[in-house]
Every structure is written in structure tokens, then in C-alpha cells.
PDB file of N, CA and C in Angstrom:
ATOM      1  N   MET A   1      96.522  89.270  90.130  1.00  0.00           N
ATOM      2  CA  MET A   1      97.869  89.743  89.838  1.00  0.00           C
ATOM      3  C   MET A   1      97.866  91.263  89.688  1.00  0.00           C
ATOM      4  N   LYS A   2      98.973  91.863  90.060  1.00  0.00           N
ATOM      5  CA  LYS A   2      99.151  93.300  89.848  1.00  0.00           C
ATOM      6  C   LYS A   2      99.633  93.507  88.412  1.00  0.00           C
ATOM      7  N   GLN A   3      99.118  94.532  87.769  1.00  0.00           N
ATOM      8  CA  GLN A   3      99.492  94.817  86.381  1.00  0.00           C
ATOM      9  C   GLN A   3     100.243  96.141  86.309  1.00  0.00           C
ATOM     10  N   TYR A   4     101.183  96.211  85.358  1.00  0.00           N
ATOM     11  CA  TYR A   4     102.076  97.361  85.255  1.00  0.00           C
ATOM     12  C   TYR A   4     102.273  97.756  83.800  1.00  0.00           C
ATOM     13  N   LEU A   5     102.402  99.055  83.581  1.00  0.00           N
ATOM     14  CA  LEU A   5     102.837  99.588  82.300  1.00  0.00           C
ATOM     15  C   LEU A   5     104.296  99.991  82.474  1.00  0.00           C
ATOM     16  N   VAL A   6     105.169  99.320  81.749  1.00  0.00           N
ATOM     17  CA  VAL A   6     106.605  99.583  81.813  1.00  0.00           C
ATOM     18  C   VAL A   6     106.985 100.304  80.518  1.00  0.00           C
ATOM     19  N   THR A   7     107.497 101.516  80.656  1.00  0.00           N
ATOM     20  CA  THR A   7     107.880 102.318  79.494  1.00  0.00           C
ATOM     21  C   THR A   7     109.375 102.600  79.572  1.00  0.00           C
ATOM     22  N   GLY A   8     110.096 102.172  78.556  1.00  0.00           N
ATOM     23  CA  GLY A   8     111.534 102.402  78.501  1.00  0.00           C
ATOM     24  C   GLY A   8     111.890 103.291  77.326  1.00  0.00           C
ATOM     25  N   TYR A   9     112.679 104.323  77.602  1.00  0.00           N
ATOM     26  CA  TYR A   9     113.132 105.249  76.558  1.00  0.00           C
ATOM     27  C   TYR A   9     114.620 105.016  76.326  1.00  0.00           C
ATOM     28  N   ASP A  10     114.993 104.788  75.085  1.00  0.00           N
ATOM     29  CA  ASP A  10     116.374 104.460  74.752  1.00  0.00           C
ATOM     30  C   ASP A  10     117.306 105.656  74.909  1.00  0.00           C
ATOM     31  N   TYR A  11     118.575 105.331  75.149  1.00  0.00           N
ATOM     32  CA  TYR A  11     119.621 106.345  75.057  1.00  0.00           C
ATOM     33  C   TYR A  11     119.622 106.905  73.639  1.00  0.00           C
ATOM     34  N   THR A  12     120.172 108.079  73.461  1.00  0.00           N
ATOM     35  CA  THR A  12     120.180 108.730  72.149  1.00  0.00           C
ATOM     36  C   THR A  12     121.593 108.934  71.602  1.00  0.00           C
ATOM     37  N   ASP A  13     122.578 108.309  72.240  1.00  0.00           N
ATOM     38  CA  ASP A  13     123.953 108.451  71.758  1.00  0.00           C
ATOM     39  C   ASP A  13     124.133 107.727  70.424  1.00  0.00           C
ATOM     40  N   GLU A  14     125.279 107.930  69.814  1.00  0.00           N
ATOM     41  CA  GLU A  14     125.559 107.384  68.482  1.00  0.00           C
ATOM     42  C   GLU A  14     125.441 105.866  68.419  1.00  0.00           C
ATOM     43  N   GLY A  15     125.779 105.160  69.485  1.00  0.00           N
ATOM     44  CA  GLY A  15     125.741 103.699  69.480  1.00  0.00           C
ATOM     45  C   GLY A  15     124.440 103.093  69.974  1.00  0.00           C
ATOM     46  N   ALA A  16     123.445 103.923  70.270  1.00  0.00           N
ATOM     47  CA  ALA A  16     122.213 103.432  70.898  1.00  0.00           C
ATOM     48  C   ALA A  16     121.462 102.428  70.031  1.00  0.00           C
ATOM     49  N   LEU A  17     121.310 102.710  68.762  1.00  0.00           N
ATOM     50  CA  LEU A  17     120.537 101.823  67.891  1.00  0.00           C
ATOM     51  C   LEU A  17     121.235 100.468  67.730  1.00  0.00           C
ATOM     52  N   LYS A  18     122.553 100.480  67.600  1.00  0.00           N
ATOM     53  CA  LYS A  18     123.296  99.220  67.490  1.00  0.00           C
ATOM     54  C   LYS A  18     123.198  98.425  68.789  1.00  0.00           C
ATOM     55  N   ARG A  19     123.295  99.115  69.925  1.00  0.00           N
ATOM     56  CA  ARG A  19     123.176  98.442  71.220  1.00  0.00           C
ATOM     57  C   ARG A  19     121.815  97.764  71.340  1.00  0.00           C
ATOM     58  N   ARG A  20     120.777  98.473  70.896  1.00  0.00           N
ATOM     59  CA  ARG A  20     119.430  97.889  70.928  1.00  0.00           C
ATOM     60  C   ARG A  20     119.380  96.655  70.038  1.00  0.00           C
ATOM     61  N   ALA A  21     119.875  96.766  68.819  1.00  0.00           N
ATOM     62  CA  ALA A  21     119.834  95.632  67.880  1.00  0.00           C
ATOM     63  C   ALA A  21     120.614  94.439  68.429  1.00  0.00           C
ATOM     64  N   ASP A  22     121.763  94.698  69.031  1.00  0.00           N
ATOM     65  CA  ASP A  22     122.585  93.621  69.580  1.00  0.00           C
ATOM     66  C   ASP A  22     121.923  92.953  70.787  1.00  0.00           C
ATOM     67  N   THR A  23     121.176  93.722  71.555  1.00  0.00           N
ATOM     68  CA  THR A  23     120.562  93.230  72.786  1.00  0.00           C
ATOM     69  C   THR A  23     119.179  92.632  72.542  1.00  0.00           C
ATOM     70  N   ARG A  24     118.551  92.992  71.442  1.00  0.00           N
ATOM     71  CA  ARG A  24     117.156  92.607  71.183  1.00  0.00           C
ATOM     72  C   ARG A  24     116.900  91.098  71.272  1.00  0.00           C
ATOM     73  N   PRO A  25     117.754  90.231  70.714  1.00  0.00           N
ATOM     74  CA  PRO A  25     117.477  88.789  70.844  1.00  0.00           C
ATOM     75  C   PRO A  25     117.389  88.332  72.303  1.00  0.00           C
ATOM     76  N   HIS A  26     118.233  88.892  73.169  1.00  0.00           N
ATOM     77  CA  HIS A  26     118.210  88.531  74.586  1.00  0.00           C
ATOM     78  C   HIS A  26     116.940  89.071  75.259  1.00  0.00           C
ATOM     79  N   HIS A  27     116.561  90.292  74.883  1.00  0.00           N
ATOM     80  CA  HIS A  27     115.319  90.876  75.396  1.00  0.00           C
ATOM     81  C   HIS A  27     114.129  90.005  74.992  1.00  0.00           C
ATOM     82  N   LEU A  28     114.064  89.600  73.731  1.00  0.00           N
ATOM     83  CA  LEU A  28     112.942  88.794  73.254  1.00  0.00           C
ATOM     84  C   LEU A  28     112.912  87.419  73.911  1.00  0.00           C
ATOM     85  N   ASP A  29     114.073  86.849  74.196  1.00  0.00           N
ATOM     86  CA  ASP A  29     114.113  85.586  74.950  1.00  0.00           C
ATOM     87  C   ASP A  29     113.456  85.768  76.316  1.00  0.00           C
ATOM     88  N   GLY A  30     113.753  86.895  76.958  1.00  0.00           N
ATOM     89  CA  GLY A  30     113.139  87.190  78.252  1.00  0.00           C
ATOM     90  C   GLY A  30     111.639  87.393  78.146  1.00  0.00           C
ATOM     91  N   VAL A  31     111.193  88.034  77.060  1.00  0.00           N
ATOM     92  CA  VAL A  31     109.762  88.242  76.854  1.00  0.00           C
ATOM     93  C   VAL A  31     109.067  86.892  76.660  1.00  0.00           C
ATOM     94  N   LYS A  32     109.705  85.992  75.929  1.00  0.00           N
ATOM     95  CA  LYS A  32     109.131  84.649  75.747  1.00  0.00           C
ATOM     96  C   LYS A  32     108.986  83.935  77.095  1.00  0.00           C
ATOM     97  N   GLU A  33     109.962  84.109  77.963  1.00  0.00           N
ATOM     98  CA  GLU A  33     109.889  83.517  79.297  1.00  0.00           C
ATOM     99  C   GLU A  33     108.773  84.155  80.123  1.00  0.00           C
ATOM    100  N   LEU A  34     108.651  85.486  80.033  1.00  0.00           N
ATOM    101  CA  LEU A  34     107.549  86.169  80.718  1.00  0.00           C
ATOM    102  C   LEU A  34     106.201  85.625  80.241  1.00  0.00           C
ATOM    103  N   LYS A  35     106.073  85.419  78.937  1.00  0.00           N
ATOM    104  CA  LYS A  35     104.822  84.900  78.379  1.00  0.00           C
ATOM    105  C   LYS A  35     104.548  83.489  78.884  1.00  0.00           C
ATOM    106  N   ALA A  36     105.560  82.651  78.879  1.00  0.00           N
ATOM    107  CA  ALA A  36     105.398  81.267  79.337  1.00  0.00           C
ATOM    108  C   ALA A  36     104.988  81.214  80.805  1.00  0.00           C
ATOM    109  N   ASN A  37     105.433  82.191  81.592  1.00  0.00           N
ATOM    110  CA  ASN A  37     105.127  82.235  83.022  1.00  0.00           C
ATOM    111  C   ASN A  37     103.835  82.985  83.345  1.00  0.00           C
ATOM    112  N   GLY A  38     103.161  83.518  82.309  1.00  0.00           N
ATOM    113  CA  GLY A  38     101.910  84.237  82.523  1.00  0.00           C
ATOM    114  C   GLY A  38     102.079  85.681  82.960  1.00  0.00           C
ATOM    115  N   ASN A  39     103.291  86.233  82.799  1.00  0.00           N
ATOM    116  CA  ASN A  39     103.554  87.614  83.217  1.00  0.00           C
ATOM    117  C   ASN A  39     103.391  88.632  82.092  1.00  0.00           C
ATOM    118  N   PHE A  40     103.383  88.188  80.851  1.00  0.00           N
ATOM    119  CA  PHE A  40     103.338  89.074  79.688  1.00  0.00           C
ATOM    120  C   PHE A  40     101.898  89.315  79.273  1.00  0.00           C
ATOM    121  N   VAL A  41     101.562  90.584  79.030  1.00  0.00           N
ATOM    122  CA  VAL A  41     100.240  90.943  78.521  1.00  0.00           C
ATOM    123  C   VAL A  41     100.357  91.440  77.085  1.00  0.00           C
ATOM    124  N   ALA A  42     101.185  92.459  76.839  1.00  0.00           N
ATOM    125  CA  ALA A  42     101.362  93.026  75.501  1.00  0.00           C
ATOM    126  C   ALA A  42     102.607  93.900  75.506  1.00  0.00           C
ATOM    127  N   ALA A  43     103.114  94.199  74.306  1.00  0.00           N
ATOM    128  CA  ALA A  43     104.294  95.060  74.191  1.00  0.00           C
ATOM    129  C   ALA A  43     104.363  95.661  72.799  1.00  0.00           C
ATOM    130  N   ALA A  44     105.126  96.746  72.691  1.00  0.00           N
ATOM    131  CA  ALA A  44     105.360  97.396  71.406  1.00  0.00           C
ATOM    132  C   ALA A  44     106.617  98.249  71.513  1.00  0.00           C
ATOM    133  N   ALA A  45     107.175  98.584  70.363  1.00  0.00           N
ATOM    134  CA  ALA A  45     108.332  99.481  70.315  1.00  0.00           C
ATOM    135  C   ALA A  45     107.876 100.853  69.848  1.00  0.00           C
ATOM    136  N   PHE A  46     108.524 101.902  70.396  1.00  0.00           N
ATOM    137  CA  PHE A  46     108.335 103.257  69.894  1.00  0.00           C
ATOM    138  C   PHE A  46     109.256 103.437  68.694  1.00  0.00           C
ATOM    139  N   LEU A  47     108.768 104.130  67.677  1.00  0.00           N
ATOM    140  CA  LEU A  47     109.560 104.384  66.475  1.00  0.00           C
ATOM    141  C   LEU A  47     109.741 105.878  66.271  1.00  0.00           C
ATOM    142  N   ASN A  48     110.889 106.255  65.689  1.00  0.00           N
ATOM    143  CA  ASN A  48     111.089 107.656  65.315  1.00  0.00           C
ATOM    144  C   ASN A  48     110.616 107.867  63.873  1.00  0.00           C
ATOM    145  N   GLU A  49     110.833 109.056  63.343  1.00  0.00           N
ATOM    146  CA  GLU A  49     110.365 109.398  62.000  1.00  0.00           C
ATOM    147  C   GLU A  49     110.981 108.517  60.921  1.00  0.00           C
ATOM    148  N   GLU A  50     112.178 107.997  61.172  1.00  0.00           N
ATOM    149  CA  GLU A  50     112.857 107.127  60.216  1.00  0.00           C
ATOM    150  C   GLU A  50     112.423 105.670  60.354  1.00  0.00           C
ATOM    151  N   GLY A  51     111.591 105.371  61.325  1.00  0.00           N
ATOM    152  CA  GLY A  51     111.126 104.011  61.555  1.00  0.00           C
ATOM    153  C   GLY A  51     112.046 103.184  62.438  1.00  0.00           C
ATOM    154  N   ASN A  52     113.023 103.833  63.076  1.00  0.00           N
ATOM    155  CA  ASN A  52     113.935 103.134  63.987  1.00  0.00           C
ATOM    156  C   ASN A  52     113.334 103.059  65.384  1.00  0.00           C
ATOM    157  N   MET A  53     113.596 101.937  66.070  1.00  0.00           N
ATOM    158  CA  MET A  53     113.114 101.768  67.434  1.00  0.00           C
ATOM    159  C   MET A  53     113.868 102.700  68.372  1.00  0.00           C
ATOM    160  N   ILE A  54     113.112 103.399  69.231  1.00  0.00           N
ATOM    161  CA  ILE A  54     113.718 104.348  70.175  1.00  0.00           C
ATOM    162  C   ILE A  54     113.202 104.169  71.600  1.00  0.00           C
ATOM    163  N   GLY A  55     112.438 103.134  71.817  1.00  0.00           N
ATOM    164  CA  GLY A  55     111.898 102.876  73.143  1.00  0.00           C
ATOM    165  C   GLY A  55     110.915 101.727  73.094  1.00  0.00           C
ATOM    166  N   SER A  56     110.382 101.391  74.252  1.00  0.00           N
ATOM    167  CA  SER A  56     109.483 100.246  74.356  1.00  0.00           C
ATOM    168  C   SER A  56     108.401 100.514  75.388  1.00  0.00           C
ATOM    169  N   VAL A  57     107.281  99.832  75.196  1.00  0.00           N
ATOM    170  CA  VAL A  57     106.219  99.827  76.193  1.00  0.00           C
ATOM    171  C   VAL A  57     105.795  98.368  76.368  1.00  0.00           C
ATOM    172  N   MET A  58     105.654  97.974  77.642  1.00  0.00           N
ATOM    173  CA  MET A  58     105.250  96.606  77.947  1.00  0.00           C
ATOM    174  C   MET A  58     104.166  96.630  79.014  1.00  0.00           C
ATOM    175  N   MET A  59     103.169  95.788  78.845  1.00  0.00           N
ATOM    176  CA  MET A  59     102.174  95.555  79.883  1.00  0.00           C
ATOM    177  C   MET A  59     102.523  94.202  80.482  1.00  0.00           C
ATOM    178  N   LEU A  60     102.818  94.219  81.774  1.00  0.00           N
ATOM    179  CA  LEU A  60     103.237  93.008  82.473  1.00  0.00           C
ATOM    180  C   LEU A  60     102.392  92.821  83.721  1.00  0.00           C
ATOM    181  N   GLN A  61     102.383  91.601  84.230  1.00  0.00           N
ATOM    182  CA  GLN A  61     101.663  91.330  85.474  1.00  0.00           C
ATOM    183  C   GLN A  61     102.477  90.376  86.337  1.00  0.00           C
ATOM    184  N   PHE A  62     102.490  90.683  87.629  1.00  0.00           N
ATOM    185  CA  PHE A  62     103.219  89.894  88.611  1.00  0.00           C
ATOM    186  C   PHE A  62     102.392  89.811  89.886  1.00  0.00           C
ATOM    187  N   GLU A  63     102.624  88.795  90.666  1.00  0.00           N
ATOM    188  CA  GLU A  63     101.932  88.644  91.940  1.00  0.00           C
ATOM    189  C   GLU A  63     102.340  89.737  92.925  1.00  0.00           C
ATOM    190  N   THR A  64     103.627  90.133  92.881  1.00  0.00           N
ATOM    191  CA  THR A  64     104.129  91.092  93.870  1.00  0.00           C
ATOM    192  C   THR A  64     105.014  92.143  93.202  1.00  0.00           C
ATOM    193  N   ASP A  65     105.197  93.247  93.894  1.00  0.00           N
ATOM    194  CA  ASP A  65     106.120  94.285  93.431  1.00  0.00           C
ATOM    195  C   ASP A  65     107.550  93.744  93.403  1.00  0.00           C
ATOM    196  N   GLU A  66     107.865  92.825  94.300  1.00  0.00           N
ATOM    197  CA  GLU A  66     109.208  92.236  94.339  1.00  0.00           C
ATOM    198  C   GLU A  66     109.492  91.433  93.073  1.00  0.00           C
ATOM    199  N   GLU A  67     108.482  90.751  92.545  1.00  0.00           N
ATOM    200  CA  GLU A  67     108.657  90.026  91.281  1.00  0.00           C
ATOM    201  C   GLU A  67     108.916  91.000  90.133  1.00  0.00           C
ATOM    202  N   LEU A  68     108.221  92.132  90.137  1.00  0.00           N
ATOM    203  CA  LEU A  68     108.469  93.171  89.141  1.00  0.00           C
ATOM    204  C   LEU A  68     109.910  93.653  89.243  1.00  0.00           C
ATOM    205  N   GLU A  69     110.378  93.917  90.452  1.00  0.00           N
ATOM    206  CA  GLU A  69     111.751  94.383  90.644  1.00  0.00           C
ATOM    207  C   GLU A  69     112.762  93.339  90.177  1.00  0.00           C
ATOM    208  N   ALA A  70     112.482  92.067  90.425  1.00  0.00           N
ATOM    209  CA  ALA A  70     113.376  90.998  89.968  1.00  0.00           C
ATOM    210  C   ALA A  70     113.438  90.975  88.445  1.00  0.00           C
ATOM    211  N   TYR A  71     112.289  91.161  87.794  1.00  0.00           N
ATOM    212  CA  TYR A  71     112.281  91.249  86.322  1.00  0.00           C
ATOM    213  C   TYR A  71     113.181  92.399  85.865  1.00  0.00           C
ATOM    214  N   LYS A  72     113.018  93.569  86.485  1.00  0.00           N
ATOM    215  CA  LYS A  72     113.808  94.737  86.079  1.00  0.00           C
ATOM    216  C   LYS A  72     115.306  94.492  86.260  1.00  0.00           C
ATOM    217  N   GLN A  73     115.686  93.789  87.328  1.00  0.00           N
ATOM    218  CA  GLN A  73     117.105  93.511  87.578  1.00  0.00           C
ATOM    219  C   GLN A  73     117.716  92.636  86.484  1.00  0.00           C
ATOM    220  N   GLY A  74     116.883  91.834  85.805  1.00  0.00           N
ATOM    221  CA  GLY A  74     117.390  90.950  84.762  1.00  0.00           C
ATOM    222  C   GLY A  74     117.055  91.370  83.348  1.00  0.00           C
ATOM    223  N   GLU A  75     116.318  92.457  83.179  1.00  0.00           N
ATOM    224  CA  GLU A  75     115.912  92.897  81.838  1.00  0.00           C
ATOM    225  C   GLU A  75     117.131  93.364  81.046  1.00  0.00           C
ATOM    226  N   PRO A  76     117.450  92.690  79.924  1.00  0.00           N
ATOM    227  CA  PRO A  76     118.639  93.060  79.145  1.00  0.00           C
ATOM    228  C   PRO A  76     118.645  94.515  78.668  1.00  0.00           C
ATOM    229  N   TYR A  77     117.491  95.082  78.351  1.00  0.00           N
ATOM    230  CA  TYR A  77     117.476  96.474  77.905  1.00  0.00           C
ATOM    231  C   TYR A  77     117.895  97.422  79.023  1.00  0.00           C
ATOM    232  N   ILE A  78     117.747  96.985  80.270  1.00  0.00           N
ATOM    233  CA  ILE A  78     118.213  97.779  81.402  1.00  0.00           C
ATOM    234  C   ILE A  78     119.676  97.462  81.685  1.00  0.00           C
ATOM    235  N   THR A  79     120.002  96.183  81.798  1.00  0.00           N
ATOM    236  CA  THR A  79     121.363  95.788  82.193  1.00  0.00           C
ATOM    237  C   THR A  79     122.396  96.071  81.117  1.00  0.00           C
ATOM    238  N   GLN A  80     121.982  96.146  79.853  1.00  0.00           N
ATOM    239  CA  GLN A  80     122.920  96.376  78.751  1.00  0.00           C
ATOM    240  C   GLN A  80     122.905  97.817  78.237  1.00  0.00           C
ATOM    241  N   GLY A  81     122.251  98.706  78.967  1.00  0.00           N
ATOM    242  CA  GLY A  81     122.312 100.130  78.635  1.00  0.00           C
ATOM    243  C   GLY A  81     121.554 100.536  77.391  1.00  0.00           C
ATOM    244  N   VAL A  82     120.428  99.876  77.114  1.00  0.00           N
ATOM    245  CA  VAL A  82     119.578 100.282  75.988  1.00  0.00           C
ATOM    246  C   VAL A  82     118.596 101.353  76.453  1.00  0.00           C
ATOM    247  N   TRP A  83     117.909 101.078  77.561  1.00  0.00           N
ATOM    248  CA  TRP A  83     116.947 102.049  78.094  1.00  0.00           C
ATOM    249  C   TRP A  83     117.664 103.036  79.000  1.00  0.00           C
ATOM    250  N   GLU A  84     117.566 104.309  78.645  1.00  0.00           N
ATOM    251  CA  GLU A  84     118.136 105.366  79.488  1.00  0.00           C
ATOM    252  C   GLU A  84     117.265 105.618  80.708  1.00  0.00           C
ATOM    253  N   SER A  85     115.953 105.542  80.517  1.00  0.00           N
ATOM    254  CA  SER A  85     115.036 105.731  81.635  1.00  0.00           C
ATOM    255  C   SER A  85     113.902 104.724  81.524  1.00  0.00           C
ATOM    256  N   VAL A  86     113.394 104.342  82.688  1.00  0.00           N
ATOM    257  CA  VAL A  86     112.293 103.380  82.756  1.00  0.00           C
ATOM    258  C   VAL A  86     111.241 103.940  83.701  1.00  0.00           C
ATOM    259  N   ASP A  87     110.010 103.959  83.231  1.00  0.00           N
ATOM    260  CA  ASP A  87     108.888 104.430  84.032  1.00  0.00           C
ATOM    261  C   ASP A  87     107.934 103.256  84.232  1.00  0.00           C
ATOM    262  N   VAL A  88     107.502 103.038  85.455  1.00  0.00           N
ATOM    263  CA  VAL A  88     106.566 101.949  85.760  1.00  0.00           C
ATOM    264  C   VAL A  88     105.349 102.550  86.450  1.00  0.00           C
ATOM    265  N   LYS A  89     104.190 102.213  85.912  1.00  0.00           N
ATOM    266  CA  LYS A  89     102.937 102.688  86.506  1.00  0.00           C
ATOM    267  C   LYS A  89     102.010 101.490  86.694  1.00  0.00           C
ATOM    268  N   PRO A  90     101.275 101.460  87.808  1.00  0.00           N
ATOM    269  CA  PRO A  90     100.266 100.409  87.963  1.00  0.00           C
ATOM    270  C   PRO A  90      99.101 100.674  86.993  1.00  0.00           C
ATOM    271  N   ILE A  91      98.591  99.603  86.419  1.00  0.00           N
ATOM    272  CA  ILE A  91      97.464  99.723  85.478  1.00  0.00           C
ATOM    273  C   ILE A  91      96.446  98.619  85.761  1.00  0.00           C
ATOM    274  N   LYS A  92      95.333  98.711  85.113  1.00  0.00           N
ATOM    275  CA  LYS A  92      94.316  97.656  85.121  1.00  0.00           C
ATOM    276  C   LYS A  92      93.897  97.464  83.669  1.00  0.00           C
ATOM    277  N   VAL A  93      94.265  96.325  83.093  1.00  0.00           N
ATOM    278  CA  VAL A  93      93.962  96.032  81.695  1.00  0.00           C
ATOM    279  C   VAL A  93      92.476  95.701  81.590  1.00  0.00           C
ATOM    280  N   ALA A  94      91.810  96.315  80.632  1.00  0.00           N
ATOM    281  CA  ALA A  94      90.389  96.066  80.402  1.00  0.00           C
ATOM    282  C   ALA A  94      90.191  94.678  79.788  1.00  0.00           C
ATOM    283  N   VAL A  95      89.221  93.962  80.284  1.00  0.00           N
ATOM    284  CA  VAL A  95      88.861  92.677  79.721  1.00  0.00           C
ATOM    285  C   VAL A  95      87.628  92.905  78.874  1.00  0.00           C
ATOM    286  N   ILE A  96      87.812  92.711  77.566  1.00  0.00           N
ATOM    287  CA  ILE A  96      86.710  92.996  76.617  1.00  0.00           C
ATOM    288  C   ILE A  96      86.305  91.714  75.916  1.00  0.00           C
TER     289      ILE A  96
END
């Protein structure tokens, strides 16, 4: 499988934190589905000085780049305007 580091940075407008909180249950449902399908490796949220979430990092794996694109098309943090920008890089997770 191809592995990817997906980094999403949240919008910084006044409603950004509420939008994230409102969308988070849907995002987590999708992560559970990714895990059940063997696509999820690991994830974490970026925090600001106040401890609020301001972005995310996910390690995912898919058979094809097209599967990655399909995930992105359905990712609630993208479709609901939580992530202002998304960066995807190919990675190789170390097996220890």
C-alpha cells in the first residue's frame, strides 16, 4: 500500500473553532471507517497555546492515489470548511 502524511491547517476566522467542534463527530466517524478498512495508521490534532485544536495530521494508506483522492472528496474537515489548506506527502512508516 502507498502511505501518505495528510496535514490539514484550520481556517482562522472567528467561527473556525466552532465549525471544527461541530464537524468533529463526522470526521471521527470517517476515521473509524478508515481504520476498519485498513487505511488508518495514526493521527493527531495540532494545538495552539490555549490548547485549542487548530489543525490535524493523519498517516493513511491506500492502494492507489485515486483512493486517496476519493477519501479527500468525502473528508468532512475538507467538505465542511474546517481545513483551509491540506498538504499530502508520500511517506514510508517505519516498522519497529
